[in-house]
Protein backbone atom coordinates (compact mmCIF):
# COMPACT_ATOMS: atom_id res chain seq x y z
CA MET A 1 0.01 0.05 -0.04
CA TRP A 2 2.77 2.45 0.94
CA LEU A 3 4.31 1.80 -2.54
CA GLU A 4 1.11 2.50 -4.29
CA ARG A 5 0.79 5.91 -2.47
CA LEU A 6 4.32 6.86 -3.28
CA LYS A 7 3.90 5.94 -6.95
CA GLY A 8 0.67 8.04 -7.02
CA LYS A 9 2.72 11.03 -5.54
CA LEU A 10 5.41 10.54 -8.15
CA LEU A 11 3.04 10.66 -11.05
CA LYS A 12 0.41 12.89 -9.82
CA GLY A 13 -0.02 15.95 -12.12
CA ASN A 14 3.14 15.35 -14.11
CA LYS A 15 3.43 15.28 -17.80
CA ILE A 16 6.69 14.16 -19.39
CA THR A 17 7.82 16.91 -21.86
CA THR A 18 9.00 16.12 -25.45
CA VAL A 19 12.62 16.86 -24.38
CA SER A 20 12.42 14.59 -21.48
CA PHE A 21 10.76 11.90 -23.58
CA VAL A 22 13.60 12.07 -26.21
CA HIS A 23 16.06 11.54 -23.15
CA TYR A 24 14.20 8.43 -21.99
CA ILE A 25 14.22 7.02 -25.62
CA ARG A 26 17.97 7.56 -25.69
CA LEU A 27 18.50 6.06 -22.35
CA PHE A 28 16.63 2.94 -23.76
CA TYR A 29 18.57 2.31 -26.83
CA ARG A 30 21.87 3.11 -25.29
CA SER A 31 21.25 0.64 -22.60
CA VAL A 32 20.32 -1.95 -24.95
CA ILE A 33 23.51 -1.25 -27.01
CA PHE A 34 25.61 -1.61 -23.91
CA VAL A 35 23.93 -4.87 -22.72
CA VAL A 36 24.35 -6.50 -26.18
CA LEU A 37 28.01 -5.48 -26.41
CA LEU A 38 28.64 -6.78 -22.85
CA VAL A 39 26.93 -10.05 -23.34
CA CYS A 40 28.87 -10.42 -26.73
CA TYR A 41 32.17 -9.67 -24.96
CA ILE A 42 31.64 -12.16 -22.12
CA ILE A 43 30.76 -14.88 -24.56
CA ASP A 44 33.67 -14.17 -26.85
CA ARG A 45 35.97 -14.07 -23.91
CA ILE A 46 34.67 -17.48 -22.58
CA HIS A 47 35.13 -19.19 -25.82
CA GLY A 48 38.15 -17.36 -26.74
CA LYS A 49 36.85 -16.62 -30.31
CA VAL A 50 36.24 -13.28 -32.19
CA THR A 51 36.61 -9.95 -30.41
CA VAL A 52 33.72 -7.57 -30.00
CA LEU A 53 35.17 -5.40 -32.71
CA GLU A 54 35.47 -8.37 -35.10
CA ARG A 55 31.94 -9.32 -34.35
CA MET A 56 30.65 -5.79 -34.97
CA GLU A 57 32.51 -5.56 -38.42
CA SER A 58 31.19 -8.84 -39.38
CA VAL A 59 27.67 -7.26 -39.47
CA PRO A 60 28.48 -3.90 -41.04
CA GLY A 61 24.88 -2.98 -41.41
CA ILE A 62 24.29 -2.81 -37.58
CA LEU A 63 27.75 -1.24 -36.96
CA TRP A 64 26.94 1.71 -39.38
CA ILE A 65 23.49 2.13 -37.99
CA ILE A 66 24.88 2.46 -34.35
CA TRP A 67 27.62 4.94 -35.94
CA ALA A 68 24.88 6.95 -37.91
CA ILE A 69 22.61 7.37 -34.83
CA PHE A 70 25.48 9.02 -32.76
CA VAL A 71 26.64 11.14 -35.81
CA LEU A 72 23.10 12.30 -36.35
CA GLU A 73 22.71 13.10 -32.61
CA MET A 74 25.89 15.22 -32.76
CA ILE A 75 25.10 16.93 -36.00
CA ALA A 76 21.69 17.85 -34.40
CA ARG A 77 23.50 19.75 -31.66
CA PHE A 78 25.01 22.21 -34.25
CA PHE A 79 21.52 23.65 -35.01
CA PRO A 80 18.54 24.93 -32.80
CA SER A 81 16.04 22.32 -32.12
CA ILE A 82 12.74 22.02 -29.97
CA THR A 83 13.69 18.47 -29.03
CA GLU A 84 16.92 19.23 -27.52
CA SER A 85 17.59 20.38 -23.88
CA PRO A 86 17.93 23.98 -23.05
CA GLY A 87 21.26 23.12 -21.72
CA CYS A 88 22.70 22.90 -25.17
CA GLN A 89 20.42 25.21 -26.82
CA LYS A 90 21.36 28.31 -24.93
CA GLN A 91 24.43 28.76 -27.16
CA PHE A 92 22.25 29.88 -30.10
CA ALA A 93 21.21 33.65 -30.71
CA ARG A 94 17.55 32.77 -31.25
CA ASN A 95 17.49 31.58 -27.61
CA TYR A 96 19.04 34.74 -26.03
CA ILE A 97 16.28 36.46 -24.29
CA LYS A 98 17.82 39.77 -22.80
CA SER A 99 17.13 40.16 -19.10
CA GLY A 100 18.18 43.75 -19.09
CA LYS A 101 21.04 42.82 -16.76
CA THR A 102 24.77 43.20 -17.83
CA ASP A 103 26.54 41.31 -14.93
CA ILE A 104 27.55 37.90 -16.46
CA GLN A 105 27.65 35.38 -13.64
CA ILE A 106 28.95 32.02 -14.57
CA GLN A 107 30.13 30.64 -11.22
CA ASP A 108 31.11 27.23 -12.54
CA ASN A 109 33.48 28.28 -15.09
CA ASN A 110 36.61 27.39 -13.13
CA ALA A 111 35.12 24.09 -11.99
CA SER A 112 34.92 23.08 -15.70
CA MET A 113 38.69 23.05 -15.93
CA LEU A 114 38.90 20.76 -12.87
CA VAL A 115 36.38 18.50 -14.52
CA LEU A 116 38.52 18.47 -17.70
CA LEU A 117 41.69 17.38 -15.88
CA ILE A 118 40.00 14.70 -13.72
CA TRP A 119 38.30 13.32 -16.98
CA ILE A 120 41.59 13.24 -18.87
CA SER A 121 43.38 11.76 -16.05
CA PHE A 122 40.70 9.00 -15.30
CA ASN A 123 40.73 7.98 -18.96
CA LEU A 124 44.58 8.09 -19.25
CA VAL A 125 44.55 5.21 -16.76
CA PHE A 126 42.43 3.18 -19.12
CA GLY A 127 44.47 4.24 -21.97
CA GLY A 128 47.72 3.38 -20.38
CA LEU A 129 46.47 -0.15 -19.52
CA HIS A 130 45.20 -0.47 -23.24
CA MET A 131 48.63 0.51 -24.61
CA ALA A 132 50.30 -2.07 -22.18
CA GLY A 133 48.16 -4.64 -23.68
CA ILE A 134 46.13 -5.30 -20.42
CA LEU A 135 42.79 -3.89 -21.84
CA ASP A 136 41.77 -4.76 -25.46
CA ASP A 137 39.69 -2.68 -27.95
CA GLY A 138 36.69 -4.48 -26.82
CA ILE A 139 36.98 -2.95 -23.22
CA MET A 140 37.38 0.41 -24.67
CA ILE A 141 34.32 0.18 -26.82
CA LEU A 142 32.42 -1.17 -23.67
CA LEU A 143 33.66 1.77 -21.64
CA CYS A 144 32.45 4.05 -24.29
CA SER A 145 28.95 2.58 -24.44
CA ALA A 146 28.93 2.63 -20.51
CA TYR A 147 29.67 6.36 -20.75
CA SER A 148 26.73 6.78 -23.11
CA VAL A 149 24.42 5.20 -20.62
CA CYS A 150 25.81 7.18 -17.78
CA ASP A 151 25.36 10.50 -19.88
CA MET A 152 21.68 9.77 -19.74
CA ILE A 153 21.57 8.90 -16.07
CA CYS A 154 23.23 12.25 -15.27
CA ILE A 155 20.61 14.06 -17.17
CA LEU A 156 17.57 12.25 -15.92
CA PHE A 157 18.46 11.20 -12.38
CA PHE A 158 21.79 12.22 -10.77
CA CYS A 159 24.78 14.04 -12.10
CA PRO A 160 27.99 13.88 -9.98
CA PHE A 161 29.56 16.50 -12.02
CA GLN A 162 26.71 18.90 -11.06
CA SER A 163 26.52 17.85 -7.52
CA TRP A 164 30.20 17.68 -6.74
CA PHE A 165 32.06 19.98 -8.99
CA MET A 166 29.90 22.49 -11.08
CA LYS A 167 27.36 23.21 -8.49
CA ASN A 168 24.92 24.59 -11.17
CA LYS A 169 21.22 24.55 -10.36
CA CYS A 170 20.25 22.27 -13.35
CA CYS A 171 21.14 21.07 -16.63
CA SER A 172 19.87 24.33 -18.42
CA THR A 173 22.67 26.33 -16.85
CA CYS A 174 25.40 23.71 -17.17
CA ARG A 175 28.60 25.12 -18.38
CA ILE A 176 29.94 22.02 -19.91
CA TYR A 177 26.67 20.48 -21.38
CA ASN A 178 27.99 20.10 -24.95
CA TRP A 179 31.05 18.36 -23.53
CA ASP A 180 29.03 15.11 -23.17
CA TYR A 181 29.84 13.51 -26.49
CA ALA A 182 33.58 14.32 -26.31
CA MET A 183 33.60 12.83 -22.77
CA MET A 184 31.65 9.74 -24.02
CA PHE A 185 33.93 9.10 -26.94
CA THR A 186 37.25 9.78 -25.19
CA PRO A 187 38.11 5.89 -25.06
CA LEU A 188 37.84 5.73 -28.77
CA PHE A 189 41.12 7.71 -28.98
CA PHE A 190 42.85 4.39 -28.32
CA VAL A 191 40.82 2.48 -30.91
CA ALA A 192 42.39 3.05 -34.29
CA LYS A 193 39.42 2.60 -36.60
CA THR A 194 37.94 5.06 -39.00
CA TYR A 195 34.41 4.80 -37.52
CA THR A 196 35.70 5.38 -34.00
CA TRP A 197 37.98 8.27 -34.80
CA THR A 198 35.18 10.12 -36.92
CA LEU A 199 32.85 9.79 -33.86
CA LEU A 200 35.63 11.32 -31.70
CA ALA A 201 36.47 13.93 -34.15
CA LEU A 202 33.03 15.18 -34.59
CA SER A 203 32.60 15.29 -30.86
CA VAL A 204 35.66 17.35 -30.50
CA ILE A 205 34.56 19.84 -33.14
CA LEU A 206 31.17 20.07 -31.17
CA VAL A 207 33.10 21.01 -28.11
CA ILE A 208 35.36 23.64 -29.98
CA ARG A 209 32.07 25.25 -31.49
CA TRP A 210 30.62 25.37 -27.92
CA GLU A 211 33.74 26.86 -26.44
CA ILE A 212 34.09 29.38 -29.15
CA THR A 213 30.51 30.57 -28.59
CA PHE A 214 30.96 30.85 -24.82
CA TYR A 215 33.94 33.02 -25.20
CA ARG A 216 32.31 35.23 -27.91
CA HIS A 217 28.94 35.34 -26.19
CA PRO A 218 29.11 34.54 -22.58
CA GLU A 219 25.89 36.37 -21.82
CA ARG A 220 23.96 33.60 -23.48
CA PHE A 221 25.35 31.19 -20.84
CA SER A 222 24.42 33.23 -17.75
CA GLU A 223 21.09 32.92 -16.13
CA ASN A 224 21.54 36.49 -14.86
CA THR A 225 21.64 37.81 -18.45
CA ASN A 226 19.51 35.30 -20.32
CA ASP A 227 16.03 34.81 -19.41
CA TYR A 228 15.92 31.70 -21.50
CA LEU A 229 17.58 29.97 -18.67
CA LYS A 230 14.98 30.84 -16.08
CA CYS A 231 12.74 28.11 -14.75
CA ALA A 232 9.66 29.73 -16.32
CA ASN A 233 11.09 29.29 -19.74
CA CYS A 234 12.29 25.84 -19.26
CA THR A 235 10.94 23.35 -21.83
CA GLU A 236 12.65 20.26 -20.13
CA LYS A 237 11.25 20.34 -16.42
CA LEU A 238 13.59 17.62 -15.57
CA CYS A 239 14.22 19.16 -12.09
CA ALA A 240 10.58 18.31 -11.13
CA HIS A 241 11.18 14.69 -11.94
CA LYS A 242 14.61 14.63 -10.19
CA ASN A 243 13.12 16.20 -7.07
CA GLN A 244 10.32 13.61 -6.98
CA LEU A 245 12.72 10.72 -7.46
CA HIS A 246 14.78 12.15 -4.70
CA SER A 247 11.74 12.60 -2.35
CA LEU A 248 10.48 9.04 -3.33
CA TRP A 249 13.90 7.66 -2.37
CA LYS A 250 13.94 9.47 0.89
CA GLN A 251 10.48 8.26 1.79
CA VAL A 252 11.69 4.64 0.89
CA GLU A 253 14.59 5.02 3.20
CA GLU A 254 12.37 6.35 6.05
CA PHE A 255 10.05 3.38 5.60
CA THR A 256 12.95 0.81 5.80
CA ALA A 257 14.44 2.53 8.83
CA LYS A 258 10.99 2.53 10.49
CA ARG A 259 10.51 -1.16 9.73
CA ARG A 260 13.94 -2.00 10.98
CA ARG A 261 13.17 -0.18 14.27
CA GLN A 262 9.94 -2.19 14.59
CA LEU A 263 11.90 -5.53 13.91
CA GLU A 264 14.49 -4.67 16.50
CA LYS A 265 11.97 -4.12 19.19
């Protein structure tokens, strides 16, 4: 009964926006890709047969479909879109709504450099193990796929970068939103294939475009100067879902603690 009541609270009066729906679709197919790759990798290792890359390349149709999906996702980021998050759309002039203020406040700009250093250092460990022959190309592909799933988890449920480093209020004001694909495809630097390096190259171009826009038009990235980033103008509304999920989790913890106390009596 308690679970039914909590479920009702979570769903009551909430309509998933188009932007959020797209995020959930991405979470679904990225999770499917990761699970399939993981299962194939484990089976191949057990039987000592072909590697994940060889298996993927043996079915080029599926390989190029996956490649095309991520390429199209990244290309879409170069243009304004109503199905993309305000977090990446704030870079465009059409989404700059002047607030009348001139004080550009971007508190997480320095933290972005810390995130960059941590991410590079973290992935250099895997890269070093790969160059030493301890990790194979399949692990790097799996790592990349895992990052793609974590990217959606960060947007939909919990983002450690936001909570621990950036301290931004939500994805809409995130200083590094368009770094996601470059971070996702970082392991591909160590996998020398045309289709891997093209994904990495496009993701880096996306970051360069983002950074150039940031330094030329910082007013678009500040909530103080751009009303597009105000909660009232948000087309995503993910914070509402995140807050409810956190509330649900808190109530589950409280219920569990209550039951434990009852059992200990």
